Amino acid sequence: MKREFEAQKEALLKEIRTVLRDVEDLYREGAERGEEETQALKAKLERKLNLAQERFQSLEERAVEQVKHHAKRADDYVNEKPYYAMGFAALAGLVVGVLLNRR
């Protein structure tokens, strides 16, 4: 699940880099190209940008769902075994306290 999320993130970043390169090309070569070529390039760029936005929204939705799922699992665990949760919280507080006192 995490590998799939990371792969989607990398694909999205790659797509964003491609869109940014196309924007730079459009900017650099805009004056040199004819009006028709410029319009075609702008349309292509808009399609790529829309695709990247859709992928980003999908990735964001999956991330939110994963966070909700893990929060629900943690809540269920704490409800099932409250003494383990209190013990873990106390241990974490002790470790943080020791680390802060060393400074």
Protein backbone atom coordinates (compact mmCIF):
# COMPACT_ATOMS: atom_id res chain seq x y z
CA MET A 1 0.00 0.00 0.00
CA LYS A 2 2.80 2.40 0.91
CA ARG A 3 4.81 1.40 -2.17
CA GLU A 4 1.81 2.09 -4.38
CA PHE A 5 1.35 5.50 -2.76
CA GLU A 6 5.03 6.32 -3.25
CA ALA A 7 4.87 5.21 -6.90
CA GLN A 8 1.86 7.46 -7.49
CA LYS A 9 3.65 10.33 -5.79
CA GLU A 10 6.72 9.86 -7.98
CA ALA A 11 4.57 9.67 -11.13
CA LEU A 12 2.83 12.89 -10.13
CA LEU A 13 6.12 14.66 -9.50
CA LYS A 14 7.40 13.48 -12.87
CA GLU A 15 4.27 14.81 -14.56
CA ILE A 16 4.66 18.16 -12.79
CA ARG A 17 8.28 18.39 -13.92
CA THR A 18 7.18 17.71 -17.50
CA VAL A 19 4.52 20.42 -17.30
CA LEU A 20 7.04 22.89 -15.92
CA ARG A 21 9.48 22.09 -18.73
CA ASP A 22 6.72 22.66 -21.25
CA VAL A 23 5.89 26.00 -19.64
CA GLU A 24 9.53 27.03 -19.90
CA ASP A 25 9.61 25.97 -23.55
CA LEU A 26 6.44 27.92 -24.26
CA TYR A 27 7.89 30.99 -22.60
CA ARG A 28 11.26 30.78 -24.38
CA GLU A 29 9.96 29.93 -27.81
CA GLY A 30 6.68 31.84 -27.71
CA ALA A 31 7.97 34.79 -29.67
CA GLU A 32 9.65 32.63 -32.29
CA ARG A 33 6.66 30.41 -33.06
CA GLY A 34 3.67 31.23 -35.14
CA GLU A 35 0.30 31.92 -33.58
CA GLU A 36 -1.11 28.48 -34.52
CA GLU A 37 1.85 26.62 -33.06
CA THR A 38 1.66 28.67 -29.89
CA GLN A 39 -2.06 27.90 -29.49
CA ALA A 40 -1.44 24.18 -30.08
CA LEU A 41 1.33 24.16 -27.50
CA LYS A 42 -0.86 26.02 -25.01
CA ALA A 43 -3.66 23.49 -25.52
CA LYS A 44 -1.23 20.60 -24.99
CA LEU A 45 0.10 22.28 -21.87
CA GLU A 46 -3.41 22.81 -20.50
CA ARG A 47 -4.23 19.12 -21.03
CA LYS A 48 -1.07 18.07 -19.19
CA LEU A 49 -1.75 20.52 -16.38
CA ASN A 50 -5.33 19.27 -16.00
CA LEU A 51 -4.09 15.67 -15.93
CA ALA A 52 -1.51 16.55 -13.27
CA GLN A 53 -4.19 18.30 -11.21
CA GLU A 54 -6.46 15.26 -11.44
CA ARG A 55 -3.64 12.97 -10.34
CA PHE A 56 -2.78 15.30 -7.48
CA GLN A 57 -6.39 15.33 -6.31
CA SER A 58 -6.50 11.54 -6.49
CA LEU A 59 -3.27 11.28 -4.51
CA GLU A 60 -4.57 13.76 -1.95
CA GLU A 61 -7.83 11.82 -1.56
CA ARG A 62 -5.93 8.56 -1.07
CA ALA A 63 -3.67 10.19 1.52
CA VAL A 64 -6.68 11.49 3.44
CA GLU A 65 -8.32 8.07 3.32
CA GLN A 66 -5.14 6.40 4.60
CA VAL A 67 -4.86 8.87 7.47
CA LYS A 68 -8.51 8.30 8.39
CA HIS A 69 -8.04 4.53 8.21
CA HIS A 70 -4.96 4.56 10.44
CA ALA A 71 -6.58 6.97 12.89
CA LYS A 72 -9.60 4.67 13.13
CA ARG A 73 -7.34 1.66 13.72
CA ALA A 74 -5.45 3.54 16.44
CA ASP A 75 -8.71 4.60 18.06
CA ASP A 76 -10.00 1.03 17.98
CA TYR A 77 -6.77 -0.24 19.51
CA VAL A 78 -6.88 2.35 22.29
CA ASN A 79 -10.51 1.46 23.02
CA GLU A 80 -9.70 -2.26 23.11
CA LYS A 81 -6.56 -1.94 25.23
CA PRO A 82 -6.58 1.38 27.12
CA TYR A 83 -3.88 0.33 29.61
CA TYR A 84 -1.41 -0.42 26.80
CA ALA A 85 -2.10 3.02 25.33
CA MET A 86 -1.57 4.72 28.70
CA GLY A 87 1.64 2.76 29.22
CA PHE A 88 2.93 3.69 25.79
CA ALA A 89 2.06 7.36 26.35
CA ALA A 90 3.85 7.31 29.73
CA LEU A 91 6.91 5.68 28.19
CA ALA A 92 6.96 8.21 25.35
CA GLY A 93 6.67 11.05 27.90
CA LEU A 94 9.54 9.60 29.91
CA VAL A 95 11.77 9.35 26.83
CA VAL A 96 10.97 12.90 25.75
CA GLY A 97 11.58 14.17 29.31
CA VAL A 98 14.99 12.45 29.49
CA LEU A 99 15.99 13.82 26.10
CA LEU A 100 14.94 17.35 27.00
CA ASN A 101 16.78 17.25 30.33
CA ARG A 102 20.05 16.30 28.62
CA ARG A 103 20.25 19.70 26.97
